[in-house]
Amino acid sequence: MRSKKDSFLYPIWEKLESNLSEEFALNELAFFSTYSPWHFHRLFSQFQSENVKDYVRRLRLEKAAFEIKTTSFPILEIALEAGYTSQEAFTKAFRKTLGITPAAYRKKFQTNPKNFGGLLALEPFGISSADICIKKISSFHLLYRRRIGPYHEMPGFPEDPTFLSAIYEWLSKQKHSAHDQKWIGISQDDPDITEPDKIRFDIGIPVSPKIQVPHGLGLQRVEGGDRVQIRVRLPYDSLPKVYEVIINEFFPKFHRRLANLAPFEVYLKREPRDAIVTDLYFALRDS
């Protein structure tokens, strides 16, 4: 988990991650951080363990990897969308980052569909067809705090109350109760793709986009559209495995395809710990 010293990164994350296809000059990003370009470059590399250019390149390739994993789109088409001018250049960069070629990566996940469990794969988690529905949601903005590291080590709603103290303090100033909020967590990365120590998980509450964002927090837009809602009645430490089975076993047999947007989780019931209820939302492509 990162310290509050990474507060300067929130506007940078928002700028880069919501505009992955764009190129930003270092001095432009430094302006949003309030540091000089040299100081910003040093701090960003220190906190992210990679410079801005490598960070953006990795996120583009990981987004492409998810597309390769979950769709049958031609690899050349995915390469062009990721900003590469040829499949050869894309394959070279993909192999350098993920250690495997795009074609081999697709083969690794897209085996014989008959081997996929579909809904049956969810039965061990107590999930039935009654727990699954499709909803159209509106876009919303999330006031959030980010944690970076292996999702399986810190799944679901944080046990450490100090992690969300900045949000609690902001709510108190607005005379709102933290207990009455709709708490949402966003799994920004697929553990099959992203290295454990680079996985981003954002947690927070829906707010107006016009608020003044408190120091040490970020504000991001979550896109609306059709989502599959899957209700899970399990402890948080079961969620990593649930995600894995839903993406790799359930969706290959589902009648709608996954969109390349981060899933999010809504914490309906957090106490007692043996009666937790969480709704998972997965974005769908237009039918």
C-alpha atoms as a PDB file:
ATOM      1  CA  MET A   1       0.000   0.000   0.000  1.00  0.00           C
ATOM      2  CA  ARG A   2       1.345   3.426  -0.900  1.00  0.00           C
ATOM      3  CA  SER A   3       1.738   6.305   1.521  1.00  0.00           C
ATOM      4  CA  LYS A   4      -0.031   9.635   1.331  1.00  0.00           C
ATOM      5  CA  LYS A   5       3.102  11.048  -0.286  1.00  0.00           C
ATOM      6  CA  ASP A   6       1.727   9.771  -3.606  1.00  0.00           C
ATOM      7  CA  SER A   7      -1.129  12.311  -3.505  1.00  0.00           C
ATOM      8  CA  PHE A   8       0.368  14.219  -6.448  1.00  0.00           C
ATOM      9  CA  LEU A   9      -0.262  11.167  -8.651  1.00  0.00           C
ATOM     10  CA  TYR A  10      -4.084  11.311  -8.602  1.00  0.00           C
ATOM     11  CA  PRO A  11      -4.531  14.020 -11.256  1.00  0.00           C
ATOM     12  CA  ILE A  12      -1.788  12.342 -13.303  1.00  0.00           C
ATOM     13  CA  TRP A  13      -3.472   8.951 -13.123  1.00  0.00           C
ATOM     14  CA  GLU A  14      -6.759  10.535 -14.173  1.00  0.00           C
ATOM     15  CA  LYS A  15      -5.136  12.338 -17.092  1.00  0.00           C
ATOM     16  CA  LEU A  16      -3.204   9.351 -18.380  1.00  0.00           C
ATOM     17  CA  GLU A  17      -5.633   6.525 -17.704  1.00  0.00           C
ATOM     18  CA  SER A  18      -8.698   8.235 -19.177  1.00  0.00           C
ATOM     19  CA  ASN A  19      -6.756   9.197 -22.316  1.00  0.00           C
ATOM     20  CA  LEU A  20      -4.497   6.218 -22.983  1.00  0.00           C
ATOM     21  CA  SER A  21      -4.407   6.804 -26.732  1.00  0.00           C
ATOM     22  CA  GLU A  22      -3.044  10.342 -26.341  1.00  0.00           C
ATOM     23  CA  GLU A  23       0.529  11.518 -25.955  1.00  0.00           C
ATOM     24  CA  PHE A  24       1.319  14.021 -23.191  1.00  0.00           C
ATOM     25  CA  ALA A  25       4.444  16.128 -22.870  1.00  0.00           C
ATOM     26  CA  LEU A  26       6.315  15.744 -19.593  1.00  0.00           C
ATOM     27  CA  ASN A  27       5.998  19.447 -18.776  1.00  0.00           C
ATOM     28  CA  GLU A  28       2.197  19.245 -19.272  1.00  0.00           C
ATOM     29  CA  LEU A  29       1.894  16.396 -16.761  1.00  0.00           C
ATOM     30  CA  ALA A  30       4.286  18.120 -14.381  1.00  0.00           C
ATOM     31  CA  PHE A  31       1.981  21.149 -14.382  1.00  0.00           C
ATOM     32  CA  PHE A  32      -0.852  18.999 -12.974  1.00  0.00           C
ATOM     33  CA  SER A  33       1.475  17.656 -10.278  1.00  0.00           C
ATOM     34  CA  THR A  34       2.681  21.171  -9.246  1.00  0.00           C
ATOM     35  CA  TYR A  35       6.303  19.947  -9.508  1.00  0.00           C
ATOM     36  CA  SER A  36       9.005  20.902 -11.973  1.00  0.00           C
ATOM     37  CA  PRO A  37       9.333  18.480 -14.936  1.00  0.00           C
ATOM     38  CA  TRP A  38      12.606  17.083 -13.565  1.00  0.00           C
ATOM     39  CA  HIS A  39      11.218  16.610 -10.041  1.00  0.00           C
ATOM     40  CA  PHE A  40       7.958  15.157 -11.365  1.00  0.00           C
ATOM     41  CA  HIS A  41       9.785  12.644 -13.556  1.00  0.00           C
ATOM     42  CA  ARG A  42      11.903  11.520 -10.608  1.00  0.00           C
ATOM     43  CA  LEU A  43       8.960  11.186  -8.218  1.00  0.00           C
ATOM     44  CA  PHE A  44       6.724   9.417 -10.716  1.00  0.00           C
ATOM     45  CA  SER A  45       9.441   6.872 -11.497  1.00  0.00           C
ATOM     46  CA  GLN A  46      10.083   6.411  -7.787  1.00  0.00           C
ATOM     47  CA  PHE A  47       6.468   5.695  -6.884  1.00  0.00           C
ATOM     48  CA  GLN A  48       5.501   3.716  -9.995  1.00  0.00           C
ATOM     49  CA  SER A  49       8.828   1.904 -10.479  1.00  0.00           C
ATOM     50  CA  GLU A  50       8.630   2.919 -14.149  1.00  0.00           C
ATOM     51  CA  ASN A  51       8.665   6.217 -15.999  1.00  0.00           C
ATOM     52  CA  VAL A  52       5.604   7.827 -17.588  1.00  0.00           C
ATOM     53  CA  LYS A  53       6.331   6.494 -21.059  1.00  0.00           C
ATOM     54  CA  ASP A  54       6.751   2.917 -19.829  1.00  0.00           C
ATOM     55  CA  TYR A  55       3.670   3.226 -17.623  1.00  0.00           C
ATOM     56  CA  VAL A  56       1.440   4.261 -20.531  1.00  0.00           C
ATOM     57  CA  ARG A  57       2.951   1.659 -22.856  1.00  0.00           C
ATOM     58  CA  ARG A  58       2.311  -1.088 -20.300  1.00  0.00           C
ATOM     59  CA  LEU A  59      -1.317  -0.061 -19.728  1.00  0.00           C
ATOM     60  CA  ARG A  60      -1.955   0.005 -23.485  1.00  0.00           C
ATOM     61  CA  LEU A  61      -0.454  -3.458 -23.895  1.00  0.00           C
ATOM     62  CA  GLU A  62      -2.369  -4.851 -20.922  1.00  0.00           C
ATOM     63  CA  LYS A  63      -5.592  -3.441 -22.331  1.00  0.00           C
ATOM     64  CA  ALA A  64      -4.742  -5.104 -25.642  1.00  0.00           C
ATOM     65  CA  ALA A  65      -3.991  -8.362 -23.801  1.00  0.00           C
ATOM     66  CA  PHE A  66      -7.478  -8.355 -22.275  1.00  0.00           C
ATOM     67  CA  GLU A  67      -8.913  -7.838 -25.769  1.00  0.00           C
ATOM     68  CA  ILE A  68      -6.894 -10.769 -27.094  1.00  0.00           C
ATOM     69  CA  LYS A  69      -7.937 -12.915 -24.145  1.00  0.00           C
ATOM     70  CA  THR A  70     -11.692 -12.230 -24.320  1.00  0.00           C
ATOM     71  CA  THR A  71     -12.473 -11.592 -28.020  1.00  0.00           C
ATOM     72  CA  SER A  72     -11.858 -13.085 -31.456  1.00  0.00           C
ATOM     73  CA  PHE A  73     -10.875  -9.741 -32.992  1.00  0.00           C
ATOM     74  CA  PRO A  74      -7.896 -10.003 -35.372  1.00  0.00           C
ATOM     75  CA  ILE A  75      -4.605  -9.360 -33.599  1.00  0.00           C
ATOM     76  CA  LEU A  76      -3.646  -6.778 -36.226  1.00  0.00           C
ATOM     77  CA  GLU A  77      -6.825  -4.829 -35.461  1.00  0.00           C
ATOM     78  CA  ILE A  78      -6.029  -4.897 -31.733  1.00  0.00           C
ATOM     79  CA  ALA A  79      -2.435  -3.847 -32.480  1.00  0.00           C
ATOM     80  CA  LEU A  80      -3.558  -0.825 -34.494  1.00  0.00           C
ATOM     81  CA  GLU A  81      -6.000   0.167 -31.750  1.00  0.00           C
ATOM     82  CA  ALA A  82      -3.124  -0.013 -29.246  1.00  0.00           C
ATOM     83  CA  GLY A  83      -1.149   2.475 -31.340  1.00  0.00           C
ATOM     84  CA  TYR A  84       1.175   0.108 -33.224  1.00  0.00           C
ATOM     85  CA  THR A  85       1.666   0.469 -36.976  1.00  0.00           C
ATOM     86  CA  SER A  86       2.278  -3.219 -37.637  1.00  0.00           C
ATOM     87  CA  GLN A  87       1.566  -6.591 -36.083  1.00  0.00           C
ATOM     88  CA  GLU A  88       5.317  -7.274 -35.968  1.00  0.00           C
ATOM     89  CA  ALA A  89       6.020  -4.207 -33.821  1.00  0.00           C
ATOM     90  CA  PHE A  90       3.083  -5.059 -31.570  1.00  0.00           C
ATOM     91  CA  THR A  91       4.232  -8.660 -31.160  1.00  0.00           C
ATOM     92  CA  LYS A  92       7.735  -7.525 -30.199  1.00  0.00           C
ATOM     93  CA  ALA A  93       6.440  -5.072 -27.580  1.00  0.00           C
ATOM     94  CA  PHE A  94       3.832  -7.557 -26.299  1.00  0.00           C
ATOM     95  CA  ARG A  95       6.411 -10.301 -25.832  1.00  0.00           C
ATOM     96  CA  LYS A  96       8.822  -7.909 -24.108  1.00  0.00           C
ATOM     97  CA  THR A  97       6.143  -6.819 -21.604  1.00  0.00           C
ATOM     98  CA  LEU A  98       4.174 -10.042 -21.090  1.00  0.00           C
ATOM     99  CA  GLY A  99       6.763 -12.659 -21.980  1.00  0.00           C
ATOM    100  CA  ILE A 100       4.620 -14.325 -24.640  1.00  0.00           C
ATOM    101  CA  THR A 101       3.453 -13.607 -28.188  1.00  0.00           C
ATOM    102  CA  PRO A 102      -0.121 -12.349 -28.758  1.00  0.00           C
ATOM    103  CA  ALA A 103      -1.035 -15.508 -30.701  1.00  0.00           C
ATOM    104  CA  ALA A 104       0.255 -17.800 -27.945  1.00  0.00           C
ATOM    105  CA  TYR A 105      -1.502 -15.664 -25.351  1.00  0.00           C
ATOM    106  CA  ARG A 106      -4.845 -16.084 -27.126  1.00  0.00           C
ATOM    107  CA  LYS A 107      -4.325 -19.816 -27.450  1.00  0.00           C
ATOM    108  CA  LYS A 108      -3.539 -20.023 -23.727  1.00  0.00           C
ATOM    109  CA  PHE A 109      -7.000 -18.730 -22.770  1.00  0.00           C
ATOM    110  CA  GLN A 110      -9.247 -19.525 -25.717  1.00  0.00           C
ATOM    111  CA  THR A 111      -9.201 -23.314 -25.645  1.00  0.00           C
ATOM    112  CA  ASN A 112     -12.096 -25.542 -26.691  1.00  0.00           C
ATOM    113  CA  PRO A 113     -15.314 -23.759 -25.555  1.00  0.00           C
ATOM    114  CA  LYS A 114     -16.724 -27.149 -24.546  1.00  0.00           C
ATOM    115  CA  ASN A 115     -14.267 -27.120 -21.657  1.00  0.00           C
ATOM    116  CA  PHE A 116     -15.686 -23.890 -20.229  1.00  0.00           C
ATOM    117  CA  GLY A 117     -18.093 -24.356 -17.343  1.00  0.00           C
ATOM    118  CA  GLY A 118     -20.465 -21.448 -17.970  1.00  0.00           C
ATOM    119  CA  LEU A 119     -23.023 -21.060 -15.197  1.00  0.00           C
ATOM    120  CA  LEU A 120     -22.037 -24.442 -13.744  1.00  0.00           C
ATOM    121  CA  ALA A 121     -18.598 -23.034 -12.934  1.00  0.00           C
ATOM    122  CA  LEU A 122     -20.243 -20.570 -10.513  1.00  0.00           C
ATOM    123  CA  GLU A 123     -22.193 -23.176  -8.534  1.00  0.00           C
ATOM    124  CA  PRO A 124     -19.300 -23.900  -6.102  1.00  0.00           C
ATOM    125  CA  PHE A 125     -19.572 -20.245  -5.029  1.00  0.00           C
ATOM    126  CA  GLY A 126     -23.300 -20.532  -4.359  1.00  0.00           C
ATOM    127  CA  ILE A 127     -24.109 -18.373  -7.401  1.00  0.00           C
ATOM    128  CA  SER A 128     -27.189 -19.370  -9.395  1.00  0.00           C
ATOM    129  CA  SER A 129     -29.056 -17.870 -12.358  1.00  0.00           C
ATOM    130  CA  ALA A 130     -31.232 -15.959  -9.864  1.00  0.00           C
ATOM    131  CA  ASP A 131     -28.122 -14.034  -8.780  1.00  0.00           C
ATOM    132  CA  ILE A 132     -27.354 -12.845 -12.321  1.00  0.00           C
ATOM    133  CA  CYS A 133     -29.060 -10.094 -14.294  1.00  0.00           C
ATOM    134  CA  ILE A 134     -28.293  -7.431 -16.887  1.00  0.00           C
ATOM    135  CA  LYS A 135     -28.744  -3.783 -15.903  1.00  0.00           C
ATOM    136  CA  LYS A 136     -28.251  -0.545 -17.777  1.00  0.00           C
ATOM    137  CA  ILE A 137     -26.420   1.870 -15.508  1.00  0.00           C
ATOM    138  CA  SER A 138     -25.746   5.581 -15.876  1.00  0.00           C
ATOM    139  CA  SER A 139     -22.238   7.007 -15.824  1.00  0.00           C
ATOM    140  CA  PHE A 140     -21.090   8.287 -12.438  1.00  0.00           C
ATOM    141  CA  HIS A 141     -18.053   9.852 -10.784  1.00  0.00           C
ATOM    142  CA  LEU A 142     -16.190   8.152  -7.965  1.00  0.00           C
ATOM    143  CA  LEU A 143     -14.238   9.928  -5.233  1.00  0.00           C
ATOM    144  CA  TYR A 144     -11.615   7.319  -4.443  1.00  0.00           C
ATOM    145  CA  ARG A 145      -8.402   6.240  -2.782  1.00  0.00           C
ATOM    146  CA  ARG A 146      -6.098   3.892  -4.676  1.00  0.00           C
ATOM    147  CA  ARG A 147      -4.177   0.946  -3.373  1.00  0.00           C
ATOM    148  CA  ILE A 148      -1.496  -0.772  -5.465  1.00  0.00           C
ATOM    149  CA  GLY A 149      -0.438  -4.345  -4.872  1.00  0.00           C
ATOM    150  CA  PRO A 150      -1.708  -7.946  -5.070  1.00  0.00           C
ATOM    151  CA  TYR A 151      -5.511  -7.925  -5.030  1.00  0.00           C
ATOM    152  CA  HIS A 152      -5.670 -11.269  -3.233  1.00  0.00           C
ATOM    153  CA  GLU A 153      -3.834  -9.736  -0.261  1.00  0.00           C
ATOM    154  CA  MET A 154      -6.403  -6.944   0.194  1.00  0.00           C
ATOM    155  CA  PRO A 155      -9.669  -7.985  -1.477  1.00  0.00           C
ATOM    156  CA  GLY A 156     -12.982  -6.224  -1.000  1.00  0.00           C
ATOM    157  CA  PHE A 157     -13.712  -3.480   1.506  1.00  0.00           C
ATOM    158  CA  PRO A 158     -10.590  -2.535   3.542  1.00  0.00           C
ATOM    159  CA  GLU A 159     -10.327  -3.891   7.065  1.00  0.00           C
ATOM    160  CA  ASP A 160      -8.020  -1.021   8.011  1.00  0.00           C
ATOM    161  CA  PRO A 161     -10.311   1.989   8.684  1.00  0.00           C
ATOM    162  CA  THR A 162      -7.421   4.441   8.338  1.00  0.00           C
ATOM    163  CA  PHE A 163      -7.105   3.658   4.626  1.00  0.00           C
ATOM    164  CA  LEU A 164     -10.323   5.568   3.909  1.00  0.00           C
ATOM    165  CA  SER A 165      -9.817   8.272   6.549  1.00  0.00           C
ATOM    166  CA  ALA A 166      -9.549  11.051   3.923  1.00  0.00           C
ATOM    167  CA  ILE A 167     -12.976  10.131   2.553  1.00  0.00           C
ATOM    168  CA  TYR A 168     -14.440   9.836   6.064  1.00  0.00           C
ATOM    169  CA  GLU A 169     -13.105  13.297   6.910  1.00  0.00           C
ATOM    170  CA  TRP A 170     -14.549  14.784   3.730  1.00  0.00           C
ATOM    171  CA  LEU A 171     -17.941  13.193   4.433  1.00  0.00           C
ATOM    172  CA  SER A 172     -17.894  14.531   7.976  1.00  0.00           C
ATOM    173  CA  LYS A 173     -17.290  18.057   6.688  1.00  0.00           C
ATOM    174  CA  GLN A 174     -20.246  17.630   4.327  1.00  0.00           C
ATOM    175  CA  LYS A 175     -22.295  16.396   7.314  1.00  0.00           C
ATOM    176  CA  HIS A 176     -22.824  13.008   5.640  1.00  0.00           C
ATOM    177  CA  SER A 177     -22.613   9.606   7.291  1.00  0.00           C
ATOM    178  CA  ALA A 178     -20.017   7.181   5.959  1.00  0.00           C
ATOM    179  CA  HIS A 179     -22.337   4.326   6.889  1.00  0.00           C
ATOM    180  CA  ASP A 180     -25.049   5.597   4.531  1.00  0.00           C
ATOM    181  CA  GLN A 181     -22.801   5.794   1.459  1.00  0.00           C
ATOM    182  CA  LYS A 182     -22.734   3.407  -1.474  1.00  0.00           C
ATOM    183  CA  TRP A 183     -19.162   2.130  -1.314  1.00  0.00           C
ATOM    184  CA  ILE A 184     -17.698   0.905  -4.597  1.00  0.00           C
ATOM    185  CA  GLY A 185     -14.426  -0.817  -5.444  1.00  0.00           C
ATOM    186  CA  ILE A 186     -12.993  -0.919  -8.967  1.00  0.00           C
ATOM    187  CA  SER A 187     -10.662  -3.694 -10.076  1.00  0.00           C
ATOM    188  CA  GLN A 188      -8.598  -1.829 -12.658  1.00  0.00           C
ATOM    189  CA  ASP A 189      -6.383  -4.766 -13.643  1.00  0.00           C
ATOM    190  CA  ASP A 190      -6.730  -8.447 -14.482  1.00  0.00           C
ATOM    191  CA  PRO A 191      -4.347 -10.518 -12.268  1.00  0.00           C
ATOM    192  CA  ASP A 192      -3.858 -12.889 -15.221  1.00  0.00           C
ATOM    193  CA  ILE A 193      -2.256  -9.985 -17.082  1.00  0.00           C
ATOM    194  CA  THR A 194      -0.797  -7.444 -14.641  1.00  0.00           C
ATOM    195  CA  GLU A 195       2.093  -8.187 -12.292  1.00  0.00           C
ATOM    196  CA  PRO A 196       0.819  -8.459  -8.685  1.00  0.00           C
ATOM    197  CA  ASP A 197       2.778  -5.461  -7.358  1.00  0.00           C
ATOM    198  CA  LYS A 198       1.303  -3.205 -10.074  1.00  0.00           C
ATOM    199  CA  ILE A 199      -2.377  -4.062  -9.705  1.00  0.00           C
ATOM    200  CA  ARG A 200      -4.553  -0.976  -9.140  1.00  0.00           C
ATOM    201  CA  PHE A 201      -7.643  -1.131  -6.957  1.00  0.00           C
ATOM    202  CA  ASP A 202      -9.729   1.999  -6.354  1.00  0.00           C
ATOM    203  CA  ILE A 203     -12.345   2.310  -3.633  1.00  0.00           C
ATOM    204  CA  GLY A 204     -14.672   5.182  -2.843  1.00  0.00           C
ATOM    205  CA  ILE A 205     -18.131   6.702  -3.162  1.00  0.00           C
ATOM    206  CA  PRO A 206     -20.199   8.238  -5.995  1.00  0.00           C
ATOM    207  CA  VAL A 207     -20.135  12.049  -5.909  1.00  0.00           C
ATOM    208  CA  SER A 208     -20.962  15.054  -8.057  1.00  0.00           C
ATOM    209  CA  PRO A 209     -18.239  15.776 -10.657  1.00  0.00           C
ATOM    210  CA  LYS A 210     -18.334  19.410  -9.489  1.00  0.00           C
ATOM    211  CA  ILE A 211     -16.925  18.785  -6.017  1.00  0.00           C
ATOM    212  CA  GLN A 212     -13.549  20.125  -4.980  1.00  0.00           C
ATOM    213  CA  VAL A 213     -11.465  16.972  -4.723  1.00  0.00           C
ATOM    214  CA  PRO A 214      -9.821  16.667  -1.277  1.00  0.00           C
ATOM    215  CA  HIS A 215      -6.044  16.340  -1.050  1.00  0.00           C
ATOM    216  CA  GLY A 216      -4.917  12.727  -1.200  1.00  0.00           C
ATOM    217  CA  LEU A 217      -7.921  11.492  -3.186  1.00  0.00           C
ATOM    218  CA  GLY A 218      -8.867  11.160  -6.835  1.00  0.00           C
ATOM    219  CA  LEU A 219     -11.972  11.603  -8.952  1.00  0.00           C
ATOM    220  CA  GLN A 220     -12.723   9.333 -11.892  1.00  0.00           C
ATOM    221  CA  ARG A 221     -15.625   8.812 -14.268  1.00  0.00           C
ATOM    222  CA  VAL A 222     -17.138   5.336 -14.506  1.00  0.00           C
ATOM    223  CA  GLU A 223     -18.820   4.782 -17.844  1.00  0.00           C
ATOM    224  CA  GLY A 224     -22.446   3.692 -18.024  1.00  0.00           C
ATOM    225  CA  GLY A 225     -24.039   1.091 -20.269  1.00  0.00           C
ATOM    226  CA  ASP A 226     -25.126  -2.517 -20.015  1.00  0.00           C
ATOM    227  CA  ARG A 227     -23.569  -4.449 -17.148  1.00  0.00           C
ATOM    228  CA  VAL A 228     -23.972  -7.976 -15.869  1.00  0.00           C
ATOM    229  CA  GLN A 229     -24.667  -7.851 -12.141  1.00  0.00           C
ATOM    230  CA  ILE A 230     -23.608 -10.969 -10.221  1.00  0.00           C
ATOM    231  CA  ARG A 231     -24.468 -11.223  -6.532  1.00  0.00           C
ATOM    232  CA  VAL A 232     -21.882 -12.945  -4.328  1.00  0.00           C
ATOM    233  CA  ARG A 233     -22.513 -14.046  -0.734  1.00  0.00           C
ATOM    234  CA  LEU A 234     -18.986 -14.901   0.302  1.00  0.00           C
ATOM    235  CA  PRO A 235     -16.143 -13.427   2.390  1.00  0.00           C
ATOM    236  CA  TYR A 236     -13.951 -10.934   0.550  1.00  0.00           C
ATOM    237  CA  ASP A 237     -11.007 -13.338   0.375  1.00  0.00           C
ATOM    238  CA  SER A 238     -13.091 -15.461  -2.030  1.00  0.00           C
ATOM    239  CA  LEU A 239     -13.512 -12.624  -4.544  1.00  0.00           C
ATOM    240  CA  PRO A 240     -10.196 -13.099  -6.441  1.00  0.00           C
ATOM    241  CA  LYS A 241     -11.172 -16.669  -7.345  1.00  0.00           C
ATOM    242  CA  VAL A 242     -14.732 -15.607  -8.186  1.00  0.00           C
ATOM    243  CA  TYR A 243     -13.411 -12.976 -10.612  1.00  0.00           C
ATOM    244  CA  GLU A 244     -11.099 -15.521 -12.237  1.00  0.00           C
ATOM    245  CA  VAL A 245     -13.898 -18.032 -12.836  1.00  0.00           C
ATOM    246  CA  ILE A 246     -16.397 -15.424 -14.049  1.00  0.00           C
ATOM    247  CA  ILE A 247     -13.997 -14.018 -16.654  1.00  0.00           C
ATOM    248  CA  ASN A 248     -12.329 -17.252 -17.748  1.00  0.00           C
ATOM    249  CA  GLU A 249     -15.146 -19.805 -17.374  1.00  0.00           C
ATOM    250  CA  PHE A 250     -18.521 -18.069 -17.213  1.00  0.00           C
ATOM    251  CA  PHE A 251     -18.265 -15.392 -19.906  1.00  0.00           C
ATOM    252  CA  PRO A 252     -16.982 -17.649 -22.720  1.00  0.00           C
ATOM    253  CA  LYS A 253     -20.404 -19.339 -22.609  1.00  0.00           C
ATOM    254  CA  PHE A 254     -22.484 -16.249 -21.846  1.00  0.00           C
ATOM    255  CA  HIS A 255     -24.665 -14.826 -24.624  1.00  0.00           C
ATOM    256  CA  ARG A 256     -23.092 -11.355 -24.320  1.00  0.00           C
ATOM    257  CA  ARG A 257     -19.418 -10.446 -24.647  1.00  0.00           C
ATOM    258  CA  LEU A 258     -17.323  -8.586 -22.074  1.00  0.00           C
ATOM    259  CA  ALA A 259     -16.407  -4.979 -22.818  1.00  0.00           C
ATOM    260  CA  ASN A 260     -12.861  -3.803 -22.165  1.00  0.00           C
ATOM    261  CA  LEU A 261     -13.798  -1.758 -19.092  1.00  0.00           C
ATOM    262  CA  ALA A 262     -12.865  -2.410 -15.476  1.00  0.00           C
ATOM    263  CA  PRO A 263     -15.424  -4.334 -13.406  1.00  0.00           C
ATOM    264  CA  PHE A 264     -16.537  -2.862 -10.118  1.00  0.00           C
ATOM    265  CA  GLU A 265     -17.975  -4.187  -6.872  1.00  0.00           C
ATOM    266  CA  VAL A 266     -20.675  -2.696  -4.663  1.00  0.00           C
ATOM    267  CA  TYR A 267     -20.558  -3.605  -0.980  1.00  0.00           C
ATOM    268  CA  LEU A 268     -24.203  -4.200  -0.075  1.00  0.00           C
ATOM    269  CA  LYS A 269     -23.572  -5.808   3.310  1.00  0.00           C
ATOM    270  CA  ARG A 270     -20.195  -5.613   5.028  1.00  0.00           C
ATOM    271  CA  GLU A 271     -21.071  -6.891   8.499  1.00  0.00           C
ATOM    272  CA  PRO A 272     -21.032  -9.413  10.044  1.00  0.00           C
ATOM    273  CA  ARG A 273     -17.998 -10.807   8.260  1.00  0.00           C
ATOM    274  CA  ASP A 274     -19.656 -14.208   7.792  1.00  0.00           C
ATOM    275  CA  ALA A 275     -22.706 -12.709   6.033  1.00  0.00           C
ATOM    276  CA  ILE A 276     -21.118 -10.384   3.463  1.00  0.00           C
ATOM    277  CA  VAL A 277     -23.025  -9.582   0.265  1.00  0.00           C
ATOM    278  CA  THR A 278     -21.282  -8.002  -2.738  1.00  0.00           C
ATOM    279  CA  ASP A 279     -22.583  -7.181  -6.215  1.00  0.00           C
ATOM    280  CA  LEU A 280     -20.051  -7.463  -9.045  1.00  0.00           C
ATOM    281  CA  TYR A 281     -20.663  -5.469 -12.241  1.00  0.00           C
ATOM    282  CA  PHE A 282     -19.086  -6.419 -15.588  1.00  0.00           C
ATOM    283  CA  ALA A 283     -19.377  -4.178 -18.631  1.00  0.00           C
ATOM    284  CA  LEU A 284     -20.872  -5.660 -21.805  1.00  0.00           C
ATOM    285  CA  ARG A 285     -20.271  -4.901 -25.435  1.00  0.00           C
ATOM    286  CA  ASP A 286     -23.190  -3.596 -27.457  1.00  0.00           C
ATOM    287  CA  SER A 287     -25.268  -6.519 -28.643  1.00  0.00           C
END
